[in-house]
Amino acid sequence: MKESTGFEIKAEERQSWVSIAMVWIGSVICVPALMIGGMLGSGLTMGSLIAAITLGYALICVFMIFMGMLGCDTGLPTAVAASGALGEKGAKYIISAILAISCIGWFGIQASVCGASFSSMVADMTGVSIPVWVSSVVWGIIMLLTACFRFAGLKWLNNIAVPLLGVVLAYTLIYTLVNGGTEALSGYTPTAPMSFVSALSAAVGSFVVAAAISGDYCRFAKSRKDVVKSSIVGVLPAGLLILLIGAILAICTGSYDISVVLASSGLPLIGLIALILATWTTNVSNAYSGGLSLSVLLGQDEKKSQVTTAIAGVVGTVLAAVGILNSIQGFLSLLSAIVPALMGTMIADYWIIRRGEPGQFRMRSGFYAPGVISFLAGALVACMTGGTFASIPFLAFLNVPFFIGPINGIVVSMVLYMVLDRALGRRQES
């Protein structure tokens, strides 16, 4: 029997799958995705590029669907539902802390990127110089206000921003192709050859953390079928298009700086709108998920999530304004790399051991050793095989590249959880 947590979704709060898909589309279309697309374009032929993106985002969709259906069945966000596999304290002190710090930090970085690009492009267009910290604070506050309206704010923003952003990016792409881009593409050969596995890993890594927290949004779905539809329609086409557009624009313009690429479209204002919308739709999700995780960490319920979302956004905005985020971006990348392993423990617990039966889901008290151990082991494997440690000098010796880091971590944590649950689970719960 599932006990009340204060986070469950009421029947009248359930949303259509289209609304949830629009949130995913808004999250997929972001500045980092355009830049990753540009990176992949420099190392692959167009056919290999399309194959890597499609396969990578298909893998993301698979895990997203399992995590999303768990959220739909229980009505719980990821940070709360994790208590089924890691125990209440494990979910609160490990998972909630990691998710809260990651989302708050990335909110600040996105606000900083938006602020810097806004100041630069306004200066180019008008000659008016706006301090970057001022732009970062202003846009951080605007993004935060949208996030404080919970799912209603996300739904409203994405219903407006996604179609408009699509038009802006389509215009930029057509303008670039018409003005010499076609010739650049026709004779293009990769300048920095990349293996298909490396490209696949980059594609997966660009959105796999979103799969882990998909329960935050899919808990609003009306049924499992709606989770499947919203995940596939909201992620796969958008992921393919945004990375492909990023690759084409980078190849045609010779630049990975998205503000430069968008400004070169002949209408800098259109480029500025695209950049702001791409950052805004993604950053609202960062603030929302960060607020939910912070609520769990502080022992609060859904009623306080608006307050904790505000706290998350304010902290992220302040960090962006004072400019310390660049020094901790490596740490945030490390946290993001270990998040996917959480999916292995939760999928194993709910879908394999509990057989996907909502009535079998229950929240464990304390720290559940099989879940904590399997999560930590999977996170370590993900970092070792995914290249995360390669950028950290004193941990570089642990770098052992193999296949796709996040997927390796998920598989290891999933298998290990099933073994440990059978060996230690009954003993701990007896």
Protein backbone atom coordinates (compact mmCIF):
# COMPACT_ATOMS: atom_id res chain seq x y z
CA MET A 1 0.00 0.00 0.00
CA LYS A 2 1.49 3.32 -1.05
CA GLU A 3 1.59 5.91 1.72
CA SER A 4 0.95 9.59 1.07
CA THR A 5 4.02 11.74 0.46
CA GLY A 6 2.44 15.09 -0.36
CA PHE A 7 3.63 14.86 -3.97
CA GLU A 8 0.93 12.70 -5.58
CA ILE A 9 -0.93 14.06 -8.61
CA LYS A 10 -4.71 14.47 -8.45
CA ALA A 11 -6.91 13.29 -11.32
CA GLU A 12 -7.79 16.85 -12.35
CA GLU A 13 -4.08 17.71 -12.61
CA ARG A 14 -3.43 15.10 -15.29
CA GLN A 15 -2.45 16.52 -18.68
CA SER A 16 -2.73 15.45 -22.31
CA TRP A 17 0.22 13.70 -23.87
CA VAL A 18 0.56 16.60 -26.31
CA SER A 19 1.17 19.04 -23.45
CA ILE A 20 3.88 16.80 -22.01
CA ALA A 21 5.43 16.28 -25.45
CA MET A 22 5.66 20.06 -25.88
CA VAL A 23 7.59 20.29 -22.61
CA TRP A 24 10.02 17.66 -23.88
CA ILE A 25 10.44 19.43 -27.20
CA GLY A 26 11.22 22.67 -25.37
CA SER A 27 13.80 20.86 -23.24
CA VAL A 28 15.45 19.10 -26.19
CA ILE A 29 15.87 22.31 -28.18
CA CYS A 30 18.68 24.08 -26.35
CA VAL A 31 21.98 25.80 -27.03
CA PRO A 32 24.15 22.85 -25.86
CA ALA A 33 22.28 20.52 -28.24
CA LEU A 34 23.03 22.82 -31.17
CA MET A 35 26.70 22.88 -30.16
CA ILE A 36 26.85 19.09 -29.79
CA GLY A 37 25.29 18.80 -33.23
CA GLY A 38 28.05 21.05 -34.57
CA MET A 39 30.69 18.87 -32.92
CA LEU A 40 29.22 15.70 -34.39
CA GLY A 41 28.97 17.32 -37.81
CA SER A 42 32.71 17.94 -37.82
CA GLY A 43 33.47 14.27 -37.31
CA LEU A 44 30.85 12.31 -39.26
CA THR A 45 29.37 12.04 -42.70
CA MET A 46 25.72 13.10 -42.89
CA GLY A 47 24.47 9.51 -43.05
CA SER A 48 26.47 8.44 -39.99
CA LEU A 49 25.40 11.60 -38.18
CA ILE A 50 21.70 10.85 -38.70
CA ALA A 51 22.19 7.22 -37.66
CA ALA A 52 24.08 8.16 -34.46
CA ILE A 53 21.52 10.76 -33.39
CA THR A 54 18.54 8.53 -34.16
CA LEU A 55 19.94 5.51 -32.32
CA GLY A 56 21.15 7.63 -29.40
CA TYR A 57 17.82 9.33 -28.84
CA ALA A 58 15.96 6.05 -29.34
CA LEU A 59 17.96 4.62 -26.43
CA ILE A 60 17.10 7.68 -24.37
CA CYS A 61 13.41 7.20 -25.17
CA VAL A 62 13.47 3.60 -23.95
CA PHE A 63 14.76 4.55 -20.50
CA MET A 64 12.60 7.67 -20.41
CA ILE A 65 9.48 5.60 -21.03
CA PHE A 66 10.24 3.19 -18.18
CA MET A 67 10.99 6.05 -15.78
CA GLY A 68 8.02 8.07 -17.02
CA MET A 69 5.57 5.20 -16.57
CA LEU A 70 6.84 4.73 -13.02
CA GLY A 71 6.11 8.41 -12.39
CA CYS A 72 2.69 8.10 -14.04
CA ASP A 73 1.77 5.02 -11.99
CA THR A 74 2.81 6.53 -8.64
CA GLY A 75 2.25 10.24 -9.28
CA LEU A 76 5.66 10.85 -7.70
CA PRO A 77 8.64 12.89 -8.92
CA THR A 78 11.93 11.04 -9.38
CA ALA A 79 13.50 12.24 -6.12
CA VAL A 80 10.59 10.74 -4.14
CA ALA A 81 10.06 7.59 -6.23
CA ALA A 82 13.75 6.75 -5.77
CA SER A 83 12.95 5.81 -2.18
CA GLY A 84 11.54 2.54 -3.51
CA ALA A 85 15.01 1.44 -4.62
CA LEU A 86 17.38 3.40 -2.36
CA GLY A 87 15.28 3.86 0.75
CA GLU A 88 13.78 7.12 2.01
CA LYS A 89 17.07 8.44 3.37
CA GLY A 90 19.01 7.25 0.34
CA ALA A 91 16.62 9.12 -1.96
CA LYS A 92 16.61 12.19 0.27
CA TYR A 93 20.28 12.61 1.11
CA ILE A 94 21.92 11.15 -2.00
CA ILE A 95 19.59 11.44 -4.99
CA SER A 96 17.78 14.65 -4.02
CA ALA A 97 21.06 16.37 -3.21
CA ILE A 98 22.66 15.34 -6.51
CA LEU A 99 19.63 16.35 -8.58
CA ALA A 100 19.15 19.64 -6.70
CA ILE A 101 22.79 20.70 -7.04
CA SER A 102 22.94 19.63 -10.70
CA CYS A 103 19.72 21.39 -11.73
CA ILE A 104 20.51 24.57 -9.77
CA GLY A 105 24.03 24.69 -11.17
CA TRP A 106 22.95 24.14 -14.77
CA PHE A 107 20.19 26.72 -14.34
CA GLY A 108 22.89 29.22 -13.41
CA ILE A 109 25.13 28.24 -16.31
CA GLN A 110 22.27 28.54 -18.81
CA ALA A 111 21.31 31.94 -17.35
CA SER A 112 24.93 33.03 -17.64
CA VAL A 113 25.20 31.85 -21.26
CA CYS A 114 21.92 33.60 -22.10
CA GLY A 115 23.05 36.79 -20.36
CA ALA A 116 26.44 36.87 -22.09
CA SER A 117 24.93 36.24 -25.52
CA PHE A 118 22.16 38.79 -24.92
CA SER A 119 24.65 41.51 -23.93
CA SER A 120 26.91 40.70 -26.87
CA MET A 121 24.14 40.69 -29.47
CA VAL A 122 22.48 43.84 -28.10
CA ALA A 123 25.84 45.61 -28.25
CA ASP A 124 26.32 44.52 -31.88
CA MET A 125 22.82 45.65 -32.88
CA THR A 126 22.53 48.93 -30.93
CA GLY A 127 25.95 49.82 -29.58
CA VAL A 128 24.50 49.77 -26.06
CA SER A 129 26.69 47.92 -23.58
CA ILE A 130 24.80 45.96 -20.91
CA PRO A 131 26.89 44.31 -18.17
CA VAL A 132 26.70 40.54 -18.51
CA TRP A 133 25.78 40.09 -14.86
CA VAL A 134 22.79 42.40 -15.31
CA SER A 135 21.55 40.44 -18.33
CA SER A 136 22.10 37.14 -16.49
CA VAL A 137 20.10 38.33 -13.48
CA VAL A 138 17.24 39.72 -15.56
CA TRP A 139 16.84 36.60 -17.69
CA GLY A 140 17.36 34.34 -14.70
CA ILE A 141 14.47 36.04 -12.91
CA ILE A 142 12.22 35.86 -15.97
CA MET A 143 12.93 32.14 -16.38
CA LEU A 144 12.39 31.57 -12.67
CA LEU A 145 8.99 33.26 -12.62
CA THR A 146 7.78 30.89 -15.34
CA ALA A 147 9.06 27.85 -13.43
CA CYS A 148 7.25 28.88 -10.23
CA PHE A 149 3.90 28.20 -11.94
CA ARG A 150 4.80 24.46 -11.90
CA PHE A 151 3.57 22.42 -14.87
CA ALA A 152 1.11 25.13 -15.90
CA GLY A 153 4.02 27.51 -16.44
CA LEU A 154 5.96 24.93 -18.44
CA LYS A 155 2.91 24.15 -20.55
CA TRP A 156 2.17 27.83 -21.25
CA LEU A 157 5.76 28.66 -22.14
CA ASN A 158 6.31 25.70 -24.45
CA ASN A 159 2.99 26.11 -26.27
CA ILE A 160 4.16 29.59 -27.29
CA ALA A 161 7.91 29.20 -27.52
CA VAL A 162 8.25 25.87 -29.34
CA PRO A 163 6.35 26.85 -32.52
CA LEU A 164 8.03 30.27 -32.58
CA LEU A 165 11.46 28.76 -32.03
CA GLY A 166 10.80 26.27 -34.83
CA VAL A 167 10.01 29.09 -37.23
CA VAL A 168 13.13 31.04 -36.21
CA LEU A 169 15.46 28.05 -36.59
CA ALA A 170 13.86 27.11 -39.93
CA TYR A 171 14.43 30.65 -41.19
CA THR A 172 18.05 30.63 -39.99
CA LEU A 173 18.68 27.27 -41.66
CA ILE A 174 17.11 28.30 -44.97
CA TYR A 175 18.97 31.64 -44.98
CA THR A 176 22.27 29.86 -44.32
CA LEU A 177 21.69 27.28 -47.07
CA VAL A 178 20.61 29.86 -49.63
CA ASN A 179 23.62 32.07 -48.91
CA GLY A 180 26.39 29.64 -49.73
CA GLY A 181 25.56 26.84 -47.34
CA THR A 182 24.53 24.38 -50.02
CA GLU A 183 27.97 24.51 -51.61
CA ALA A 184 29.64 23.99 -48.24
CA LEU A 185 27.51 20.92 -47.59
CA SER A 186 27.90 19.38 -51.02
CA GLY A 187 31.66 19.27 -50.84
CA TYR A 188 31.94 18.63 -47.13
CA THR A 189 34.20 16.00 -45.61
CA PRO A 190 34.65 15.58 -41.85
CA THR A 191 37.52 17.72 -40.55
CA ALA A 192 37.96 15.86 -37.26
CA PRO A 193 36.93 12.21 -37.85
CA MET A 194 35.04 10.64 -34.95
CA SER A 195 34.13 7.02 -34.30
CA PHE A 196 30.46 6.07 -34.49
CA VAL A 197 30.48 4.88 -30.86
CA SER A 198 31.92 8.22 -29.69
CA ALA A 199 29.23 10.07 -31.62
CA LEU A 200 26.55 7.77 -30.22
CA SER A 201 27.87 8.39 -26.71
CA ALA A 202 27.74 12.16 -27.22
CA ALA A 203 24.17 11.97 -28.51
CA VAL A 204 23.05 9.89 -25.53
CA GLY A 205 24.92 12.07 -23.06
CA SER A 206 23.24 15.22 -24.36
CA PHE A 207 19.83 14.26 -22.93
CA VAL A 208 20.16 11.16 -20.77
CA VAL A 209 19.83 13.08 -17.49
CA ALA A 210 16.40 14.25 -18.65
CA ALA A 211 15.40 10.60 -18.98
CA ALA A 212 16.32 10.05 -15.34
CA ILE A 213 14.04 12.87 -14.16
CA SER A 214 11.26 12.20 -16.67
CA GLY A 215 9.01 11.16 -13.79
CA ASP A 216 8.87 14.82 -12.72
CA TYR A 217 6.80 15.53 -15.85
CA CYS A 218 5.29 12.19 -16.86
CA ARG A 219 3.58 11.90 -13.47
CA PHE A 220 1.08 14.32 -15.00
CA ALA A 221 0.29 11.85 -17.82
CA LYS A 222 -3.15 10.22 -17.87
CA SER A 223 -1.91 6.75 -18.78
CA ARG A 224 1.15 4.69 -19.67
CA LYS A 225 0.23 5.01 -23.34
CA ASP A 226 0.39 8.78 -23.01
CA VAL A 227 3.87 8.47 -21.49
CA VAL A 228 5.01 6.44 -24.49
CA LYS A 229 3.50 8.85 -27.01
CA SER A 230 4.77 12.00 -25.31
CA SER A 231 8.28 10.58 -24.91
CA ILE A 232 8.67 9.36 -28.48
CA VAL A 233 6.99 12.31 -30.21
CA GLY A 234 8.51 14.88 -27.88
CA VAL A 235 12.09 13.62 -27.94
CA LEU A 236 13.02 11.61 -31.03
CA PRO A 237 12.04 14.01 -33.87
CA ALA A 238 13.13 17.11 -31.93
CA GLY A 239 16.46 15.54 -30.96
CA LEU A 240 17.22 14.53 -34.54
CA LEU A 241 16.26 17.93 -35.94
CA ILE A 242 18.06 20.13 -33.39
CA LEU A 243 21.37 18.23 -33.55
CA LEU A 244 21.12 18.02 -37.34
CA ILE A 245 20.44 21.77 -37.58
CA GLY A 246 23.39 22.42 -35.27
CA ALA A 247 25.63 20.29 -37.50
CA ILE A 248 24.49 21.95 -40.73
CA LEU A 249 24.82 25.49 -39.35
CA ALA A 250 28.29 24.77 -37.99
CA ILE A 251 29.44 23.21 -41.28
CA CYS A 252 28.06 26.10 -43.32
CA THR A 253 29.32 28.93 -41.12
CA GLY A 254 32.49 27.34 -39.79
CA SER A 255 31.60 28.30 -36.20
CA TYR A 256 30.29 26.44 -33.14
CA ASP A 257 29.46 29.68 -31.30
CA ILE A 258 25.69 29.60 -31.56
CA SER A 259 25.32 33.37 -30.97
CA VAL A 260 27.65 34.01 -33.91
CA VAL A 261 25.79 31.49 -36.07
CA LEU A 262 22.36 32.95 -35.30
CA ALA A 263 23.60 36.52 -35.70
CA SER A 264 24.94 35.66 -39.17
CA SER A 265 21.40 34.98 -40.40
CA GLY A 266 21.08 38.57 -41.60
CA LEU A 267 18.51 39.45 -38.93
CA PRO A 268 20.34 39.52 -35.59
CA LEU A 269 17.09 40.12 -33.71
CA ILE A 270 15.72 36.80 -34.96
CA GLY A 271 18.91 35.10 -33.82
CA LEU A 272 18.61 36.72 -30.41
CA ILE A 273 15.00 35.55 -30.05
CA ALA A 274 16.01 32.00 -30.96
CA LEU A 275 18.84 31.94 -28.45
CA ILE A 276 16.68 33.29 -25.61
CA LEU A 277 13.83 30.87 -26.32
CA ALA A 278 16.16 27.87 -26.59
CA THR A 279 17.69 28.72 -23.22
CA TRP A 280 14.41 29.71 -21.58
CA THR A 281 12.46 26.53 -22.35
CA THR A 282 15.30 24.32 -21.09
CA ASN A 283 16.13 26.39 -18.03
CA VAL A 284 12.57 26.45 -16.74
CA SER A 285 12.78 22.66 -16.55
CA ASN A 286 16.07 22.95 -14.63
CA ALA A 287 14.47 25.24 -12.06
CA TYR A 288 11.33 23.09 -11.76
CA SER A 289 13.18 19.80 -11.23
CA GLY A 290 15.72 21.51 -9.00
CA GLY A 291 12.88 22.87 -6.87
CA LEU A 292 11.22 19.46 -6.55
CA SER A 293 14.49 17.82 -5.51
CA LEU A 294 15.21 20.61 -3.05
CA SER A 295 11.74 20.11 -1.54
CA VAL A 296 12.52 16.45 -0.89
CA LEU A 297 15.96 17.28 0.49
CA LEU A 298 14.48 19.81 2.93
CA GLY A 299 11.65 17.50 3.95
CA GLN A 300 8.93 19.61 2.31
CA ASP A 301 5.97 18.53 0.18
CA GLU A 302 4.42 19.64 -3.12
CA LYS A 303 2.79 22.68 -1.48
CA LYS A 304 6.24 24.11 -0.79
CA SER A 305 7.66 23.33 -4.23
CA GLN A 306 7.01 26.84 -5.52
CA VAL A 307 9.09 28.21 -2.66
CA THR A 308 11.92 25.74 -3.21
CA THR A 309 11.78 26.37 -6.98
CA ALA A 310 12.19 30.06 -6.24
CA ILE A 311 15.12 29.30 -3.95
CA ALA A 312 16.71 27.06 -6.61
CA GLY A 313 16.35 29.74 -9.28
CA VAL A 314 17.61 32.56 -7.07
CA VAL A 315 20.69 30.57 -6.03
CA GLY A 316 21.42 29.66 -9.65
CA THR A 317 20.95 33.27 -10.79
CA VAL A 318 23.23 34.61 -8.05
CA LEU A 319 25.91 32.07 -8.99
CA ALA A 320 25.60 33.18 -12.61
CA ALA A 321 25.87 36.86 -11.66
CA VAL A 322 29.00 36.47 -9.52
CA GLY A 323 30.68 34.36 -12.19
CA ILE A 324 31.81 31.36 -10.17
CA LEU A 325 30.00 28.76 -12.25
CA ASN A 326 32.87 28.38 -14.72
CA SER A 327 35.05 27.06 -11.90
CA ILE A 328 32.56 24.37 -10.89
CA GLN A 329 31.31 23.29 -14.33
CA GLY A 330 33.53 20.21 -14.16
CA PHE A 331 31.92 19.26 -10.86
CA LEU A 332 28.44 19.72 -12.34
CA SER A 333 29.43 17.57 -15.31
CA LEU A 334 30.55 14.88 -12.86
CA LEU A 335 27.20 14.97 -11.05
CA SER A 336 25.34 14.79 -14.37
CA ALA A 337 27.40 11.76 -15.40
CA ILE A 338 26.43 9.76 -12.31
CA VAL A 339 22.68 10.52 -12.47
CA PRO A 340 21.83 7.95 -15.20
CA ALA A 341 22.89 5.06 -12.94
CA LEU A 342 19.86 5.89 -10.81
CA MET A 343 17.65 4.59 -13.62
CA GLY A 344 19.20 1.13 -13.41
CA THR A 345 18.27 0.69 -9.75
CA MET A 346 14.76 2.12 -10.14
CA ILE A 347 13.95 0.14 -13.29
CA ALA A 348 15.23 -3.08 -11.73
CA ASP A 349 13.21 -2.53 -8.55
CA TYR A 350 9.92 -1.51 -10.15
CA TRP A 351 9.87 -3.23 -13.53
CA ILE A 352 11.75 -6.46 -12.82
CA ILE A 353 11.34 -7.24 -9.13
CA ARG A 354 7.92 -5.56 -8.66
CA ARG A 355 6.90 -6.53 -12.24
CA GLY A 356 5.57 -3.06 -12.96
CA GLU A 357 2.60 -3.48 -10.64
CA PRO A 358 1.60 -0.09 -9.11
CA GLY A 359 0.14 -1.87 -6.08
CA GLN A 360 3.54 -3.46 -5.39
CA PHE A 361 5.40 -0.16 -5.22
CA ARG A 362 6.40 0.87 -1.75
CA MET A 363 8.79 3.35 -0.21
CA ARG A 364 11.50 1.81 1.94
CA SER A 365 12.67 3.53 5.10
CA GLY A 366 16.27 4.46 5.86
CA PHE A 367 19.06 3.56 3.44
CA TYR A 368 18.38 0.44 1.35
CA ALA A 369 21.85 -1.09 0.93
CA PRO A 370 21.26 -2.95 -2.39
CA GLY A 371 20.00 0.25 -4.01
CA VAL A 372 22.70 2.54 -2.64
CA ILE A 373 25.53 0.14 -3.49
CA SER A 374 24.28 -0.62 -7.00
CA PHE A 375 23.72 3.07 -7.72
CA LEU A 376 27.24 4.03 -6.59
CA ALA A 377 28.80 1.15 -8.54
CA GLY A 378 26.88 2.04 -11.69
CA ALA A 379 27.82 5.71 -11.31
CA LEU A 380 31.50 4.79 -10.97
CA VAL A 381 31.39 2.59 -14.08
CA ALA A 382 29.60 5.32 -16.03
CA CYS A 383 32.27 7.87 -15.14
CA MET A 384 35.16 5.48 -15.83
CA THR A 385 33.93 4.29 -19.22
CA GLY A 386 32.30 7.55 -20.36
CA GLY A 387 35.39 9.75 -20.21
CA THR A 388 34.23 11.81 -17.22
CA PHE A 389 37.43 11.20 -15.26
CA ALA A 390 39.61 12.09 -18.26
CA SER A 391 39.01 15.81 -17.61
CA ILE A 392 39.90 15.53 -13.90
CA PRO A 393 43.73 15.35 -13.63
CA PHE A 394 44.00 13.46 -10.34
CA LEU A 395 41.37 10.91 -11.48
CA ALA A 396 42.57 10.51 -15.07
CA PHE A 397 44.09 7.12 -14.26
CA LEU A 398 40.56 5.80 -13.78
CA ASN A 399 39.58 6.62 -17.35
CA VAL A 400 38.82 3.36 -19.20
CA PRO A 401 36.81 4.25 -22.35
CA PHE A 402 34.30 1.58 -23.34
CA PHE A 403 31.06 1.76 -25.33
CA ILE A 404 28.62 4.37 -23.91
CA GLY A 405 29.32 5.52 -20.35
CA PRO A 406 25.74 6.32 -19.22
CA ILE A 407 24.37 3.07 -20.71
CA ASN A 408 27.16 1.07 -19.06
CA GLY A 409 26.25 2.63 -15.73
CA ILE A 410 22.56 1.86 -16.13
CA VAL A 411 23.20 -1.78 -17.03
CA VAL A 412 25.68 -2.32 -14.18
CA SER A 413 23.41 -0.75 -11.56
CA MET A 414 20.42 -2.71 -12.86
CA VAL A 415 22.15 -6.12 -12.79
CA LEU A 416 23.88 -5.47 -9.48
CA TYR A 417 20.64 -4.34 -7.85
CA MET A 418 18.90 -7.59 -8.75
CA VAL A 419 21.79 -9.63 -7.34
CA LEU A 420 22.09 -7.62 -4.13
CA ASP A 421 18.35 -7.41 -3.57
CA ARG A 422 18.17 -11.19 -3.57
CA ALA A 423 21.32 -11.60 -1.43
CA LEU A 424 20.92 -8.73 1.05
CA GLY A 425 17.41 -7.36 0.68
CA ARG A 426 15.56 -9.91 2.75
CA ARG A 427 18.21 -9.78 5.48
CA GLN A 428 17.97 -5.97 5.73
CA GLU A 429 14.17 -5.97 5.78
CA SER A 430 13.82 -8.87 8.25
